[in-house]
Amino acid sequence: MFFFGKNEQIVDAGEGAKRKLLGRGGSLMMAEVSFQKDAIGAIHSHPHEQVCYIVQGSFEFRLDGKIQRVEKGDSIYVPSNTLHGVRALEDNSIILDVFTPQREDFV
């Protein structure tokens, strides 16, 4: 199955953040989330496992009570039901998120 980024719908993912689904099938889903400087991905948890890859920019990433600065080329594994969230440190910061199982709430 092919997904073409230029054709995928961009949705508001909170103040200063936008999300676009880039691919999904079986038990996997991939999404691109772009942030303006100081935009917040609120602290939350979900039953899905998640891997985040920093495509562009930098973030303050909170994971299970710890805070770490991450930047382009870094990645994070988020276990199921683990509290996590981000704050963008630069304009046009982008995270590529992969989830298993799929986030039905994103569809």
PDB file of N, CA and C in Angstrom:
ATOM      1  N   MET A   1       0.852  -1.162   0.000  1.00  0.00           N
ATOM      2  CA  MET A   1       0.000   0.000   0.000  1.00  0.00           C
ATOM      3  C   MET A   1       0.907   1.237   0.000  1.00  0.00           C
ATOM      4  N   PHE A   2       0.566   2.220  -0.808  1.00  0.00           N
ATOM      5  CA  PHE A   2       1.349   3.445  -0.902  1.00  0.00           C
ATOM      6  C   PHE A   2       0.597   4.609  -0.276  1.00  0.00           C
ATOM      7  N   PHE A   3       1.330   5.472   0.401  1.00  0.00           N
ATOM      8  CA  PHE A   3       0.785   6.705   0.970  1.00  0.00           C
ATOM      9  C   PHE A   3       1.674   7.841   0.486  1.00  0.00           C
ATOM     10  N   PHE A   4       1.075   8.854  -0.090  1.00  0.00           N
ATOM     11  CA  PHE A   4       1.830   9.990  -0.620  1.00  0.00           C
ATOM     12  C   PHE A   4       1.582  11.199   0.268  1.00  0.00           C
ATOM     13  N   GLY A   5       2.653  11.659   0.942  1.00  0.00           N
ATOM     14  CA  GLY A   5       2.546  12.724   1.921  1.00  0.00           C
ATOM     15  C   GLY A   5       1.816  13.954   1.426  1.00  0.00           C
ATOM     16  N   LYS A   6       2.047  14.333   0.169  1.00  0.00           N
ATOM     17  CA  LYS A   6       1.403  15.535  -0.368  1.00  0.00           C
ATOM     18  C   LYS A   6      -0.109  15.379  -0.480  1.00  0.00           C
ATOM     19  N   ASN A   7      -0.598  14.133  -0.467  1.00  0.00           N
ATOM     20  CA  ASN A   7      -2.030  13.884  -0.590  1.00  0.00           C
ATOM     21  C   ASN A   7      -2.722  13.627   0.750  1.00  0.00           C
ATOM     22  N   GLU A   8      -1.945  13.475   1.810  1.00  0.00           N
ATOM     23  CA  GLU A   8      -2.525  13.123   3.103  1.00  0.00           C
ATOM     24  C   GLU A   8      -3.045  14.364   3.825  1.00  0.00           C
ATOM     25  N   GLN A   9      -4.148  14.193   4.521  1.00  0.00           N
ATOM     26  CA  GLN A   9      -4.797  15.290   5.233  1.00  0.00           C
ATOM     27  C   GLN A   9      -3.987  15.692   6.463  1.00  0.00           C
ATOM     28  N   ILE A  10      -3.834  17.006   6.657  1.00  0.00           N
ATOM     29  CA  ILE A  10      -3.167  17.549   7.842  1.00  0.00           C
ATOM     30  C   ILE A  10      -4.253  17.944   8.834  1.00  0.00           C
ATOM     31  N   VAL A  11      -4.125  17.488  10.086  1.00  0.00           N
ATOM     32  CA  VAL A  11      -5.120  17.812  11.110  1.00  0.00           C
ATOM     33  C   VAL A  11      -4.454  18.556  12.262  1.00  0.00           C
ATOM     34  N   ASP A  12      -5.219  19.374  12.922  1.00  0.00           N
ATOM     35  CA  ASP A  12      -4.742  20.106  14.090  1.00  0.00           C
ATOM     36  C   ASP A  12      -4.540  19.108  15.226  1.00  0.00           C
ATOM     37  N   ALA A  13      -3.364  19.131  15.818  1.00  0.00           N
ATOM     38  CA  ALA A  13      -3.044  18.197  16.904  1.00  0.00           C
ATOM     39  C   ALA A  13      -2.824  18.949  18.214  1.00  0.00           C
ATOM     40  N   GLY A  14      -3.394  20.136  18.313  1.00  0.00           N
ATOM     41  CA  GLY A  14      -3.216  20.953  19.501  1.00  0.00           C
ATOM     42  C   GLY A  14      -2.557  22.255  19.116  1.00  0.00           C
ATOM     43  N   GLU A  15      -2.553  23.172  20.043  1.00  0.00           N
ATOM     44  CA  GLU A  15      -2.022  24.502  19.764  1.00  0.00           C
ATOM     45  C   GLU A  15      -0.569  24.442  19.298  1.00  0.00           C
ATOM     46  N   GLY A  16      -0.344  24.863  18.050  1.00  0.00           N
ATOM     47  CA  GLY A  16       1.004  24.897  17.510  1.00  0.00           C
ATOM     48  C   GLY A  16       1.513  23.593  16.933  1.00  0.00           C
ATOM     49  N   ALA A  17       0.654  22.566  16.840  1.00  0.00           N
ATOM     50  CA  ALA A  17       1.072  21.264  16.308  1.00  0.00           C
ATOM     51  C   ALA A  17       0.076  20.776  15.261  1.00  0.00           C
ATOM     52  N   LYS A  18       0.608  20.105  14.237  1.00  0.00           N
ATOM     53  CA  LYS A  18      -0.224  19.531  13.174  1.00  0.00           C
ATOM     54  C   LYS A  18       0.254  18.111  12.909  1.00  0.00           C
ATOM     55  N   ARG A  19      -0.715  17.216  12.590  1.00  0.00           N
ATOM     56  CA  ARG A  19      -0.398  15.801  12.395  1.00  0.00           C
ATOM     57  C   ARG A  19      -0.874  15.342  11.019  1.00  0.00           C
ATOM     58  N   LYS A  20      -0.077  14.459  10.419  1.00  0.00           N
ATOM     59  CA  LYS A  20      -0.426  13.867   9.132  1.00  0.00           C
ATOM     60  C   LYS A  20      -0.108  12.376   9.215  1.00  0.00           C
ATOM     61  N   LEU A  21      -1.090  11.521   8.908  1.00  0.00           N
ATOM     62  CA  LEU A  21      -0.834  10.075   8.861  1.00  0.00           C
ATOM     63  C   LEU A  21      -0.088   9.774   7.569  1.00  0.00           C
ATOM     64  N   LEU A  22       0.985   9.014   7.666  1.00  0.00           N
ATOM     65  CA  LEU A  22       1.808   8.722   6.491  1.00  0.00           C
ATOM     66  C   LEU A  22       1.702   7.288   6.030  1.00  0.00           C
ATOM     67  N   GLY A  23       1.252   6.421   6.881  1.00  0.00           N
ATOM     68  CA  GLY A  23       1.106   5.027   6.490  1.00  0.00           C
ATOM     69  C   GLY A  23       0.506   4.233   7.625  1.00  0.00           C
ATOM     70  N   ARG A  24      -0.297   3.242   7.264  1.00  0.00           N
ATOM     71  CA  ARG A  24      -0.857   2.361   8.281  1.00  0.00           C
ATOM     72  C   ARG A  24      -1.345   1.086   7.627  1.00  0.00           C
ATOM     73  N   GLY A  25      -1.285   0.025   8.372  1.00  0.00           N
ATOM     74  CA  GLY A  25      -1.746  -1.266   7.910  1.00  0.00           C
ATOM     75  C   GLY A  25      -1.358  -2.320   8.939  1.00  0.00           C
ATOM     76  N   GLY A  26      -2.095  -3.421   8.956  1.00  0.00           N
ATOM     77  CA  GLY A  26      -1.834  -4.443   9.956  1.00  0.00           C
ATOM     78  C   GLY A  26      -1.920  -3.832  11.343  1.00  0.00           C
ATOM     79  N   SER A  27      -0.880  -3.990  12.127  1.00  0.00           N
ATOM     80  CA  SER A  27      -0.895  -3.441  13.483  1.00  0.00           C
ATOM     81  C   SER A  27      -0.063  -2.169  13.609  1.00  0.00           C
ATOM     82  N   LEU A  28       0.487  -1.649  12.484  1.00  0.00           N
ATOM     83  CA  LEU A  28       1.373  -0.486  12.540  1.00  0.00           C
ATOM     84  C   LEU A  28       0.730   0.777  11.979  1.00  0.00           C
ATOM     85  N   MET A  29       1.170   1.909  12.510  1.00  0.00           N
ATOM     86  CA  MET A  29       0.750   3.216  12.022  1.00  0.00           C
ATOM     87  C   MET A  29       1.924   4.174  12.149  1.00  0.00           C
ATOM     88  N   MET A  30       2.074   5.055  11.148  1.00  0.00           N
ATOM     89  CA  MET A  30       3.126   6.063  11.180  1.00  0.00           C
ATOM     90  C   MET A  30       2.493   7.432  10.965  1.00  0.00           C
ATOM     91  N   ALA A  31       2.935   8.406  11.772  1.00  0.00           N
ATOM     92  CA  ALA A  31       2.413   9.768  11.679  1.00  0.00           C
ATOM     93  C   ALA A  31       3.550  10.764  11.784  1.00  0.00           C
ATOM     94  N   GLU A  32       3.413  11.872  11.050  1.00  0.00           N
ATOM     95  CA  GLU A  32       4.361  12.975  11.135  1.00  0.00           C
ATOM     96  C   GLU A  32       3.679  14.095  11.907  1.00  0.00           C
ATOM     97  N   VAL A  33       4.354  14.609  12.936  1.00  0.00           N
ATOM     98  CA  VAL A  33       3.796  15.696  13.733  1.00  0.00           C
ATOM     99  C   VAL A  33       4.771  16.862  13.676  1.00  0.00           C
ATOM    100  N   SER A  34       4.269  18.018  13.228  1.00  0.00           N
ATOM    101  CA  SER A  34       5.114  19.211  13.135  1.00  0.00           C
ATOM    102  C   SER A  34       4.687  20.213  14.203  1.00  0.00           C
ATOM    103  N   PHE A  35       5.666  20.893  14.765  1.00  0.00           N
ATOM    104  CA  PHE A  35       5.458  21.802  15.887  1.00  0.00           C
ATOM    105  C   PHE A  35       6.099  23.156  15.610  1.00  0.00           C
ATOM    106  N   GLN A  36       5.448  24.198  16.069  1.00  0.00           N
ATOM    107  CA  GLN A  36       6.062  25.518  16.112  1.00  0.00           C
ATOM    108  C   GLN A  36       6.784  25.638  17.454  1.00  0.00           C
ATOM    109  N   LYS A  37       7.700  26.580  17.569  1.00  0.00           N
ATOM    110  CA  LYS A  37       8.468  26.761  18.799  1.00  0.00           C
ATOM    111  C   LYS A  37       7.536  26.922  19.995  1.00  0.00           C
ATOM    112  N   ASP A  38       7.847  26.240  21.077  1.00  0.00           N
ATOM    113  CA  ASP A  38       7.130  26.245  22.351  1.00  0.00           C
ATOM    114  C   ASP A  38       5.778  25.529  22.314  1.00  0.00           C
ATOM    115  N   ALA A  39       5.428  24.911  21.188  1.00  0.00           N
ATOM    116  CA  ALA A  39       4.209  24.102  21.145  1.00  0.00           C
ATOM    117  C   ALA A  39       4.408  22.889  22.055  1.00  0.00           C
ATOM    118  N   ILE A  40       3.322  22.481  22.666  1.00  0.00           N
ATOM    119  CA  ILE A  40       3.355  21.396  23.649  1.00  0.00           C
ATOM    120  C   ILE A  40       2.576  20.193  23.140  1.00  0.00           C
ATOM    121  N   GLY A  41       3.172  19.044  23.251  1.00  0.00           N
ATOM    122  CA  GLY A  41       2.461  17.773  23.142  1.00  0.00           C
ATOM    123  C   GLY A  41       2.224  17.356  24.583  1.00  0.00           C
ATOM    124  N   ALA A  42       1.003  17.556  25.064  1.00  0.00           N
ATOM    125  CA  ALA A  42       0.681  17.381  26.487  1.00  0.00           C
ATOM    126  C   ALA A  42       1.078  15.994  27.007  1.00  0.00           C
ATOM    127  N   ILE A  43       1.414  15.947  28.285  1.00  0.00           N
ATOM    128  CA  ILE A  43       1.735  14.680  28.948  1.00  0.00           C
ATOM    129  C   ILE A  43       0.513  13.762  28.856  1.00  0.00           C
ATOM    130  N   HIS A  44       0.749  12.543  28.385  1.00  0.00           N
ATOM    131  CA  HIS A  44      -0.337  11.576  28.212  1.00  0.00           C
ATOM    132  C   HIS A  44       0.255  10.169  28.188  1.00  0.00           C
ATOM    133  N   SER A  45      -0.627   9.191  28.187  1.00  0.00           N
ATOM    134  CA  SER A  45      -0.211   7.801  28.001  1.00  0.00           C
ATOM    135  C   SER A  45      -1.279   7.104  27.170  1.00  0.00           C
ATOM    136  N   HIS A  46      -0.926   5.978  26.609  1.00  0.00           N
ATOM    137  CA  HIS A  46      -1.860   5.175  25.814  1.00  0.00           C
ATOM    138  C   HIS A  46      -1.348   3.735  25.801  1.00  0.00           C
ATOM    139  N   PRO A  47      -2.217   2.792  25.459  1.00  0.00           N
ATOM    140  CA  PRO A  47      -1.811   1.389  25.495  1.00  0.00           C
ATOM    141  C   PRO A  47      -0.877   0.986  24.357  1.00  0.00           C
ATOM    142  N   HIS A  48      -0.655   1.868  23.396  1.00  0.00           N
ATOM    143  CA  HIS A  48       0.170   1.568  22.236  1.00  0.00           C
ATOM    144  C   HIS A  48       1.656   1.710  22.555  1.00  0.00           C
ATOM    145  N   GLU A  49       2.494   0.866  21.967  1.00  0.00           N
ATOM    146  CA  GLU A  49       3.927   1.100  21.975  1.00  0.00           C
ATOM    147  C   GLU A  49       4.197   2.164  20.921  1.00  0.00           C
ATOM    148  N   GLN A  50       5.248   2.963  21.128  1.00  0.00           N
ATOM    149  CA  GLN A  50       5.535   4.066  20.221  1.00  0.00           C
ATOM    150  C   GLN A  50       7.043   4.236  20.076  1.00  0.00           C
ATOM    151  N   VAL A  51       7.470   4.517  18.861  1.00  0.00           N
ATOM    152  CA  VAL A  51       8.843   4.921  18.606  1.00  0.00           C
ATOM    153  C   VAL A  51       8.768   6.284  17.940  1.00  0.00           C
ATOM    154  N   CYS A  52       9.578   7.226  18.432  1.00  0.00           N
ATOM    155  CA  CYS A  52       9.613   8.587  17.892  1.00  0.00           C
ATOM    156  C   CYS A  52      10.994   8.823  17.282  1.00  0.00           C
ATOM    157  N   TYR A  53      11.008   9.418  16.101  1.00  0.00           N
ATOM    158  CA  TYR A  53      12.257   9.788  15.440  1.00  0.00           C
ATOM    159  C   TYR A  53      12.211  11.285  15.179  1.00  0.00           C
ATOM    160  N   ILE A  54      13.231  12.003  15.603  1.00  0.00           N
ATOM    161  CA  ILE A  54      13.274  13.446  15.412  1.00  0.00           C
ATOM    162  C   ILE A  54      13.817  13.718  14.001  1.00  0.00           C
ATOM    163  N   VAL A  55      12.925  14.176  13.138  1.00  0.00           N
ATOM    164  CA  VAL A  55      13.260  14.436  11.739  1.00  0.00           C
ATOM    165  C   VAL A  55      13.950  15.783  11.590  1.00  0.00           C
ATOM    166  N   GLN A  56      13.474  16.749  12.356  1.00  0.00           N
ATOM    167  CA  GLN A  56      13.956  18.129  12.214  1.00  0.00           C
ATOM    168  C   GLN A  56      13.750  18.869  13.524  1.00  0.00           C
ATOM    169  N   GLY A  57      14.657  19.774  13.849  1.00  0.00           N
ATOM    170  CA  GLY A  57      14.510  20.611  15.036  1.00  0.00           C
ATOM    171  C   GLY A  57      14.942  19.918  16.307  1.00  0.00           C
ATOM    172  N   SER A  58      14.365  20.379  17.426  1.00  0.00           N
ATOM    173  CA  SER A  58      14.714  19.811  18.730  1.00  0.00           C
ATOM    174  C   SER A  58      13.535  19.944  19.687  1.00  0.00           C
ATOM    175  N   PHE A  59      13.551  19.098  20.714  1.00  0.00           N
ATOM    176  CA  PHE A  59      12.456  19.011  21.668  1.00  0.00           C
ATOM    177  C   PHE A  59      12.990  18.779  23.077  1.00  0.00           C
ATOM    178  N   GLU A  60      12.207  19.193  24.048  1.00  0.00           N
ATOM    179  CA  GLU A  60      12.352  18.749  25.423  1.00  0.00           C
ATOM    180  C   GLU A  60      11.353  17.606  25.535  1.00  0.00           C
ATOM    181  N   PHE A  61      11.843  16.401  25.715  1.00  0.00           N
ATOM    182  CA  PHE A  61      10.998  15.205  25.729  1.00  0.00           C
ATOM    183  C   PHE A  61      10.887  14.693  27.149  1.00  0.00           C
ATOM    184  N   ARG A  62       9.660  14.539  27.624  1.00  0.00           N
ATOM    185  CA  ARG A  62       9.410  13.990  28.957  1.00  0.00           C
ATOM    186  C   ARG A  62       8.961  12.544  28.797  1.00  0.00           C
ATOM    187  N   LEU A  63       9.641  11.652  29.503  1.00  0.00           N
ATOM    188  CA  LEU A  63       9.336  10.230  29.422  1.00  0.00           C
ATOM    189  C   LEU A  63       9.445   9.625  30.802  1.00  0.00           C
ATOM    190  N   ASP A  64       8.315   9.178  31.321  1.00  0.00           N
ATOM    191  CA  ASP A  64       8.279   8.483  32.609  1.00  0.00           C
ATOM    192  C   ASP A  64       8.972   9.295  33.711  1.00  0.00           C
ATOM    193  N   GLY A  65       8.687  10.607  33.739  1.00  0.00           N
ATOM    194  CA  GLY A  65       9.217  11.475  34.787  1.00  0.00           C
ATOM    195  C   GLY A  65      10.593  12.057  34.522  1.00  0.00           C
ATOM    196  N   LYS A  66      11.240  11.636  33.440  1.00  0.00           N
ATOM    197  CA  LYS A  66      12.561  12.159  33.102  1.00  0.00           C
ATOM    198  C   LYS A  66      12.440  13.128  31.927  1.00  0.00           C
ATOM    199  N   ILE A  67      13.297  14.145  31.901  1.00  0.00           N
ATOM    200  CA  ILE A  67      13.311  15.128  30.828  1.00  0.00           C
ATOM    201  C   ILE A  67      14.649  15.052  30.109  1.00  0.00           C
ATOM    202  N   GLN A  68      14.584  14.992  28.779  1.00  0.00           N
ATOM    203  CA  GLN A  68      15.805  14.900  27.971  1.00  0.00           C
ATOM    204  C   GLN A  68      15.646  15.772  26.726  1.00  0.00           C
ATOM    205  N   ARG A  69      16.683  16.517  26.379  1.00  0.00           N
ATOM    206  CA  ARG A  69      16.681  17.254  25.118  1.00  0.00           C
ATOM    207  C   ARG A  69      17.023  16.259  24.009  1.00  0.00           C
ATOM    208  N   VAL A  70      16.212  16.265  22.951  1.00  0.00           N
ATOM    209  CA  VAL A  70      16.462  15.418  21.785  1.00  0.00           C
ATOM    210  C   VAL A  70      16.451  16.300  20.548  1.00  0.00           C
ATOM    211  N   GLU A  71      17.208  15.885  19.541  1.00  0.00           N
ATOM    212  CA  GLU A  71      17.297  16.691  18.330  1.00  0.00           C
ATOM    213  C   GLU A  71      17.378  15.790  17.109  1.00  0.00           C
ATOM    214  N   LYS A  72      17.431  16.418  15.948  1.00  0.00           N
ATOM    215  CA  LYS A  72      17.452  15.711  14.667  1.00  0.00           C
ATOM    216  C   LYS A  72      18.361  14.487  14.732  1.00  0.00           C
ATOM    217  N   GLY A  73      17.792  13.344  14.330  1.00  0.00           N
ATOM    218  CA  GLY A  73      18.545  12.092  14.315  1.00  0.00           C
ATOM    219  C   GLY A  73      18.373  11.238  15.546  1.00  0.00           C
ATOM    220  N   ASP A  74      17.804  11.793  16.626  1.00  0.00           N
ATOM    221  CA  ASP A  74      17.583  11.027  17.853  1.00  0.00           C
ATOM    222  C   ASP A  74      16.260  10.270  17.775  1.00  0.00           C
ATOM    223  N   SER A  75      16.139   9.224  18.584  1.00  0.00           N
ATOM    224  CA  SER A  75      14.878   8.475  18.650  1.00  0.00           C
ATOM    225  C   SER A  75      14.580   8.073  20.082  1.00  0.00           C
ATOM    226  N   ILE A  76      13.311   7.792  20.317  1.00  0.00           N
ATOM    227  CA  ILE A  76      12.827   7.474  21.663  1.00  0.00           C
ATOM    228  C   ILE A  76      11.866   6.302  21.547  1.00  0.00           C
ATOM    229  N   TYR A  77      11.979   5.338  22.441  1.00  0.00           N
ATOM    230  CA  TYR A  77      11.002   4.255  22.547  1.00  0.00           C
ATOM    231  C   TYR A  77      10.119   4.554  23.746  1.00  0.00           C
ATOM    232  N   VAL A  78       8.795   4.533  23.516  1.00  0.00           N
ATOM    233  CA  VAL A  78       7.820   4.781  24.578  1.00  0.00           C
ATOM    234  C   VAL A  78       7.033   3.491  24.810  1.00  0.00           C
ATOM    235  N   PRO A  79       7.254   2.820  25.949  1.00  0.00           N
ATOM    236  CA  PRO A  79       6.491   1.605  26.242  1.00  0.00           C
ATOM    237  C   PRO A  79       4.997   1.899  26.445  1.00  0.00           C
ATOM    238  N   SER A  80       4.188   0.883  26.343  1.00  0.00           N
ATOM    239  CA  SER A  80       2.750   1.007  26.597  1.00  0.00           C
ATOM    240  C   SER A  80       2.489   1.642  27.953  1.00  0.00           C
ATOM    241  N   ASN A  81       1.467   2.481  28.009  1.00  0.00           N
ATOM    242  CA  ASN A  81       0.979   3.073  29.256  1.00  0.00           C
ATOM    243  C   ASN A  81       2.029   3.877  30.026  1.00  0.00           C
ATOM    244  N   THR A  82       2.987   4.483  29.316  1.00  0.00           N
ATOM    245  CA  THR A  82       4.025   5.293  29.940  1.00  0.00           C
ATOM    246  C   THR A  82       3.742   6.767  29.678  1.00  0.00           C
ATOM    247  N   LEU A  83       3.762   7.579  30.732  1.00  0.00           N
ATOM    248  CA  LEU A  83       3.523   9.016  30.569  1.00  0.00           C
ATOM    249  C   LEU A  83       4.654   9.639  29.755  1.00  0.00           C
ATOM    250  N   HIS A  84       4.261  10.471  28.770  1.00  0.00           N
ATOM    251  CA  HIS A  84       5.236  11.145  27.932  1.00  0.00           C
ATOM    252  C   HIS A  84       4.621  12.396  27.301  1.00  0.00           C
ATOM    253  N   GLY A  85       5.479  13.309  26.861  1.00  0.00           N
ATOM    254  CA  GLY A  85       5.042  14.529  26.204  1.00  0.00           C
ATOM    255  C   GLY A  85       6.252  15.314  25.739  1.00  0.00           C
ATOM    256  N   VAL A  86       6.017  16.367  24.948  1.00  0.00           N
ATOM    257  CA  VAL A  86       7.121  17.151  24.390  1.00  0.00           C
ATOM    258  C   VAL A  86       6.827  18.643  24.425  1.00  0.00           C
ATOM    259  N   ARG A  87       7.912  19.415  24.312  1.00  0.00           N
ATOM    260  CA  ARG A  87       7.840  20.856  24.041  1.00  0.00           C
ATOM    261  C   ARG A  87       8.858  21.134  22.948  1.00  0.00           C
ATOM    262  N   ALA A  88       8.403  21.762  21.865  1.00  0.00           N
ATOM    263  CA  ALA A  88       9.299  22.081  20.754  1.00  0.00           C
ATOM    264  C   ALA A  88      10.211  23.234  21.149  1.00  0.00           C
ATOM    265  N   LEU A  89      11.488  23.098  20.847  1.00  0.00           N
ATOM    266  CA  LEU A  89      12.466  24.131  21.171  1.00  0.00           C
ATOM    267  C   LEU A  89      12.776  25.037  19.984  1.00  0.00           C
ATOM    268  N   GLU A  90      12.280  24.653  18.794  1.00  0.00           N
ATOM    269  CA  GLU A  90      12.524  25.429  17.575  1.00  0.00           C
ATOM    270  C   GLU A  90      11.274  25.400  16.704  1.00  0.00           C
ATOM    271  N   ASP A  91      11.110  26.415  15.860  1.00  0.00           N
ATOM    272  CA  ASP A  91      10.048  26.384  14.853  1.00  0.00           C
ATOM    273  C   ASP A  91      10.308  25.247  13.886  1.00  0.00           C
ATOM    274  N   ASN A  92       9.221  24.723  13.329  1.00  0.00           N
ATOM    275  CA  ASN A  92       9.282  23.666  12.312  1.00  0.00           C
ATOM    276  C   ASN A  92      10.012  22.415  12.792  1.00  0.00           C
ATOM    277  N   SER A  93       9.846  22.082  14.055  1.00  0.00           N
ATOM    278  CA  SER A  93      10.384  20.828  14.582  1.00  0.00           C
ATOM    279  C   SER A  93       9.416  19.707  14.211  1.00  0.00           C
ATOM    280  N   ILE A  94       9.954  18.565  13.793  1.00  0.00           N
ATOM    281  CA  ILE A  94       9.119  17.468  13.284  1.00  0.00           C
ATOM    282  C   ILE A  94       9.507  16.155  13.943  1.00  0.00           C
ATOM    283  N   ILE A  95       8.478  15.419  14.375  1.00  0.00           N
ATOM    284  CA  ILE A  95       8.653  14.074  14.926  1.00  0.00           C
ATOM    285  C   ILE A  95       7.927  13.086  14.019  1.00  0.00           C
ATOM    286  N   LEU A  96       8.564  11.967  13.732  1.00  0.00           N
ATOM    287  CA  LEU A  96       7.925  10.856  13.045  1.00  0.00           C
ATOM    288  C   LEU A  96       7.597   9.821  14.112  1.00  0.00           C
ATOM    289  N   ASP A  97       6.310   9.544  14.300  1.00  0.00           N
ATOM    290  CA  ASP A  97       5.854   8.593  15.319  1.00  0.00           C
ATOM    291  C   ASP A  97       5.374   7.308  14.661  1.00  0.00           C
ATOM    292  N   VAL A  98       5.770   6.180  15.228  1.00  0.00           N
ATOM    293  CA  VAL A  98       5.285   4.880  14.784  1.00  0.00           C
ATOM    294  C   VAL A  98       4.618   4.216  15.981  1.00  0.00           C
ATOM    295  N   PHE A  99       3.405   3.697  15.759  1.00  0.00           N
ATOM    296  CA  PHE A  99       2.617   3.082  16.825  1.00  0.00           C
ATOM    297  C   PHE A  99       2.258   1.652  16.474  1.00  0.00           C
ATOM    298  N   THR A 100       2.184   0.824  17.516  1.00  0.00           N
ATOM    299  CA  THR A 100       1.593  -0.492  17.394  1.00  0.00           C
ATOM    300  C   THR A 100       0.833  -0.780  18.683  1.00  0.00           C
ATOM    301  N   PRO A 101      -0.403  -1.225  18.653  1.00  0.00           N
ATOM    302  CA  PRO A 101      -1.230  -1.280  17.452  1.00  0.00           C
ATOM    303  C   PRO A 101      -1.563   0.131  16.956  1.00  0.00           C
ATOM    304  N   GLN A 102      -2.306   0.206  15.880  1.00  0.00           N
ATOM    305  CA  GLN A 102      -2.680   1.497  15.320  1.00  0.00           C
ATOM    306  C   GLN A 102      -3.481   2.328  16.311  1.00  0.00           C
ATOM    307  N   ARG A 103      -3.300   3.642  16.230  1.00  0.00           N
ATOM    308  CA  ARG A 103      -4.078   4.588  17.034  1.00  0.00           C
ATOM    309  C   ARG A 103      -5.398   4.838  16.309  1.00  0.00           C
ATOM    310  N   GLU A 104      -6.407   4.089  16.659  1.00  0.00           N
ATOM    311  CA  GLU A 104      -7.719   4.250  16.011  1.00  0.00           C
ATOM    312  C   GLU A 104      -8.283   5.653  16.216  1.00  0.00           C
ATOM    313  N   ASP A 105      -7.888   6.319  17.323  1.00  0.00           N
ATOM    314  CA  ASP A 105      -8.357   7.670  17.581  1.00  0.00           C
ATOM    315  C   ASP A 105      -7.760   8.684  16.604  1.00  0.00           C
ATOM    316  N   PHE A 106      -6.742   8.316  15.835  1.00  0.00           N
ATOM    317  CA  PHE A 106      -6.140   9.200  14.835  1.00  0.00           C
ATOM    318  C   PHE A 106      -6.825   9.064  13.473  1.00  0.00           C
ATOM    319  N   VAL A 107      -7.555   7.988  13.275  1.00  0.00           N
ATOM    320  CA  VAL A 107      -8.157   7.703  11.946  1.00  0.00           C
ATOM    321  C   VAL A 107      -9.473   8.457  11.800  1.00  0.00           C
TER     322      VAL A 107
END
